[in-house]
Each structure stands twice: as structure tokens, then as C-alpha cells.
Amino acid sequence: TEPAAHSEVSQGTLVKVYVSNGKLVKAVNVPKFIGMTIEEAREEAEKKNLKLKEVAGSSNEYEKDRVIKQNIAENSVVNEETEIEVTVCDGKAVNIKAESFA
């Protein structure tokens, strides 16, 4: 405020009051989490001030504890503290039952 808070002023004096717009939010690019170990993904998310929500999933392509999917594409621009859902391979292979046509 102008004059400073708790100052005495004469009646009719102009007083300026500043109102905050809130916390400044910074935009960041979403990294490519797919293929990273979950530990690497956590570290990268922390560097960018992003939150990770981890869910389990199966994959024949990736090893256990590797990120196989993310819900926000890499290089998307989001605000810091945005939650990114990553699917982490639980080590179980996906079995596809096929019929024989012989």
C-alpha cells in the first residue's frame, strides 16, 4: 500500500492498495517419459516441477519398471505442478490368444 501499512493519513488522502493476482505460474514442456525407468521419470518430473501419477500396466516391448505410456504428450506445454499420469510396466507380458487356421 501507499502510504505504508499502519500509517496515519488525513481524511481524503489517496491510498493505493495493491492486490495480488496470486502465485506466478510458470509454463514448462512435458518431457518424454516413455522408455525411462520410473526413477528417471520421477527425477525428470521433479526438475520440471511436475507431479507424476503412476499406474501399472503390461507390455511386451518394455522391461519392468519402465514407463510405457503417458497421458500428456511430450513437448506439450503445461503449467508447473500439472499432474502427468504415467503407466509403468509391471513386468507381466501381454498374451494374445490366436486361433490356428491350418
C-alpha atoms as a PDB file:
ATOM      1  CA  THR A   1       0.000   0.000   0.000  1.00  0.00           C
ATOM      2  CA  GLU A   2       0.973   3.595  -0.409  1.00  0.00           C
ATOM      3  CA  PRO A   3       1.448   5.075   2.108  1.00  0.00           C
ATOM      4  CA  ALA A   4       2.862   2.097   4.035  1.00  0.00           C
ATOM      5  CA  ALA A   5       0.545  -0.121   6.039  1.00  0.00           C
ATOM      6  CA  HIS A   6      -0.387   1.190   9.519  1.00  0.00           C
ATOM      7  CA  SER A   7       0.491   4.781   8.557  1.00  0.00           C
ATOM      8  CA  GLU A   8      -1.810   7.568   9.665  1.00  0.00           C
ATOM      9  CA  VAL A   9      -3.153   9.816   6.907  1.00  0.00           C
ATOM     10  CA  SER A  10      -5.519  12.737   6.767  1.00  0.00           C
ATOM     11  CA  GLN A  11      -9.087  12.198   5.693  1.00  0.00           C
ATOM     12  CA  GLY A  12      -9.372  12.472   1.919  1.00  0.00           C
ATOM     13  CA  THR A  13      -5.784  11.319   1.265  1.00  0.00           C
ATOM     14  CA  LEU A  14      -5.446   8.993  -1.729  1.00  0.00           C
ATOM     15  CA  VAL A  15      -4.379   5.492  -0.606  1.00  0.00           C
ATOM     16  CA  LYS A  16      -3.177   2.933  -3.163  1.00  0.00           C
ATOM     17  CA  VAL A  17      -3.901  -0.706  -2.369  1.00  0.00           C
ATOM     18  CA  TYR A  18      -2.145  -3.397  -4.421  1.00  0.00           C
ATOM     19  CA  VAL A  19      -3.934  -6.711  -4.888  1.00  0.00           C
ATOM     20  CA  SER A  20      -2.027  -9.849  -5.850  1.00  0.00           C
ATOM     21  CA  ASN A  21      -3.097 -11.879  -8.861  1.00  0.00           C
ATOM     22  CA  GLY A  22      -1.869 -14.940  -6.993  1.00  0.00           C
ATOM     23  CA  LYS A  23       1.148 -17.138  -7.423  1.00  0.00           C
ATOM     24  CA  LEU A  24       3.062 -16.692 -10.678  1.00  0.00           C
ATOM     25  CA  VAL A  25       2.626 -19.864 -12.700  1.00  0.00           C
ATOM     26  CA  LYS A  26       5.432 -20.966 -14.984  1.00  0.00           C
ATOM     27  CA  ALA A  27       4.814 -22.997 -18.147  1.00  0.00           C
ATOM     28  CA  VAL A  28       7.063 -25.992 -18.920  1.00  0.00           C
ATOM     29  CA  ASN A  29       7.407 -28.544 -21.723  1.00  0.00           C
ATOM     30  CA  VAL A  30       6.414 -32.104 -20.870  1.00  0.00           C
ATOM     31  CA  PRO A  31       9.384 -34.466 -21.227  1.00  0.00           C
ATOM     32  CA  LYS A  32       9.236 -37.820 -22.995  1.00  0.00           C
ATOM     33  CA  PHE A  33       8.793 -40.173 -20.037  1.00  0.00           C
ATOM     34  CA  ILE A  34       8.151 -43.227 -22.227  1.00  0.00           C
ATOM     35  CA  GLY A  35      11.111 -45.612 -22.065  1.00  0.00           C
ATOM     36  CA  MET A  36      12.527 -44.104 -18.858  1.00  0.00           C
ATOM     37  CA  THR A  37      12.737 -46.088 -15.651  1.00  0.00           C
ATOM     38  CA  ILE A  38      10.229 -44.863 -13.101  1.00  0.00           C
ATOM     39  CA  GLU A  39      13.127 -43.428 -11.058  1.00  0.00           C
ATOM     40  CA  GLU A  40      14.380 -41.452 -14.074  1.00  0.00           C
ATOM     41  CA  ALA A  41      10.839 -40.225 -14.741  1.00  0.00           C
ATOM     42  CA  ARG A  42      10.447 -39.095 -11.116  1.00  0.00           C
ATOM     43  CA  GLU A  43      13.741 -37.171 -11.288  1.00  0.00           C
ATOM     44  CA  GLU A  44      12.803 -35.518 -14.595  1.00  0.00           C
ATOM     45  CA  ALA A  45       9.353 -34.590 -13.281  1.00  0.00           C
ATOM     46  CA  GLU A  46      10.931 -33.059 -10.176  1.00  0.00           C
ATOM     47  CA  LYS A  47      13.315 -30.961 -12.326  1.00  0.00           C
ATOM     48  CA  LYS A  48      10.313 -29.582 -14.243  1.00  0.00           C
ATOM     49  CA  ASN A  49       8.183 -29.210 -11.088  1.00  0.00           C
ATOM     50  CA  LEU A  50       5.586 -31.653 -12.429  1.00  0.00           C
ATOM     51  CA  LYS A  51       3.663 -34.292 -10.479  1.00  0.00           C
ATOM     52  CA  LEU A  52       3.549 -37.933 -11.551  1.00  0.00           C
ATOM     53  CA  LYS A  53       0.616 -40.245 -11.017  1.00  0.00           C
ATOM     54  CA  GLU A  54       1.805 -43.809 -11.504  1.00  0.00           C
ATOM     55  CA  VAL A  55      -0.445 -46.626 -12.711  1.00  0.00           C
ATOM     56  CA  ALA A  56       0.542 -50.211 -13.530  1.00  0.00           C
ATOM     57  CA  GLY A  57       0.290 -51.731 -16.991  1.00  0.00           C
ATOM     58  CA  SER A  58       1.630 -54.586 -19.099  1.00  0.00           C
ATOM     59  CA  SER A  59       3.907 -54.515 -22.109  1.00  0.00           C
ATOM     60  CA  ASN A  60       5.816 -56.915 -24.330  1.00  0.00           C
ATOM     61  CA  GLU A  61       8.010 -54.050 -25.522  1.00  0.00           C
ATOM     62  CA  TYR A  62       9.321 -52.595 -22.239  1.00  0.00           C
ATOM     63  CA  GLU A  63      11.044 -54.044 -19.191  1.00  0.00           C
ATOM     64  CA  LYS A  64       9.553 -53.987 -15.707  1.00  0.00           C
ATOM     65  CA  ASP A  65       9.565 -50.536 -14.042  1.00  0.00           C
ATOM     66  CA  ARG A  66       9.803 -48.640 -17.354  1.00  0.00           C
ATOM     67  CA  VAL A  67       7.250 -46.041 -18.407  1.00  0.00           C
ATOM     68  CA  ILE A  68       5.169 -47.413 -21.286  1.00  0.00           C
ATOM     69  CA  LYS A  69       2.585 -44.632 -21.672  1.00  0.00           C
ATOM     70  CA  GLN A  70       1.924 -41.041 -20.606  1.00  0.00           C
ATOM     71  CA  ASN A  71      -1.376 -39.168 -20.740  1.00  0.00           C
ATOM     72  CA  ILE A  72       0.077 -35.823 -21.876  1.00  0.00           C
ATOM     73  CA  ALA A  73       2.265 -35.951 -24.982  1.00  0.00           C
ATOM     74  CA  GLU A  74       5.921 -34.977 -24.873  1.00  0.00           C
ATOM     75  CA  ASN A  75       6.648 -31.335 -25.703  1.00  0.00           C
ATOM     76  CA  SER A  76       3.124 -30.275 -24.686  1.00  0.00           C
ATOM     77  CA  VAL A  77       3.214 -27.011 -22.741  1.00  0.00           C
ATOM     78  CA  VAL A  78       1.644 -27.218 -19.271  1.00  0.00           C
ATOM     79  CA  ASN A  79       1.789 -25.244 -16.052  1.00  0.00           C
ATOM     80  CA  GLU A  80       4.205 -26.316 -13.340  1.00  0.00           C
ATOM     81  CA  GLU A  81       2.646 -28.693 -10.794  1.00  0.00           C
ATOM     82  CA  THR A  82       0.484 -30.298 -13.505  1.00  0.00           C
ATOM     83  CA  GLU A  83      -0.135 -33.986 -12.823  1.00  0.00           C
ATOM     84  CA  ILE A  84       1.052 -36.333 -15.574  1.00  0.00           C
ATOM     85  CA  GLU A  85      -0.247 -39.899 -15.477  1.00  0.00           C
ATOM     86  CA  VAL A  86       2.381 -42.451 -16.461  1.00  0.00           C
ATOM     87  CA  THR A  87       1.775 -46.145 -16.969  1.00  0.00           C
ATOM     88  CA  VAL A  88       4.625 -48.236 -15.582  1.00  0.00           C
ATOM     89  CA  CYS A  89       5.322 -51.756 -16.838  1.00  0.00           C
ATOM     90  CA  ASP A  90       4.533 -54.294 -14.137  1.00  0.00           C
ATOM     91  CA  GLY A  91       6.649 -56.973 -15.838  1.00  0.00           C
ATOM     92  CA  LYS A  92       3.705 -59.038 -17.000  1.00  0.00           C
ATOM     93  CA  ALA A  93       3.681 -59.880 -20.694  1.00  0.00           C
ATOM     94  CA  VAL A  94       0.573 -59.335 -22.747  1.00  0.00           C
ATOM     95  CA  ASN A  95      -0.686 -62.689 -24.011  1.00  0.00           C
ATOM     96  CA  ILE A  96      -2.643 -62.753 -27.236  1.00  0.00           C
ATOM     97  CA  LYS A  97      -4.603 -65.907 -27.934  1.00  0.00           C
ATOM     98  CA  ALA A  98      -4.690 -66.681 -31.638  1.00  0.00           C
ATOM     99  CA  GLU A  99      -6.658 -69.370 -33.375  1.00  0.00           C
ATOM    100  CA  SER A 100      -4.973 -71.705 -35.805  1.00  0.00           C
ATOM    101  CA  PHE A 101      -6.387 -71.726 -39.320  1.00  0.00           C
ATOM    102  CA  ALA A 102      -4.434 -74.764 -40.517  1.00  0.00           C
END
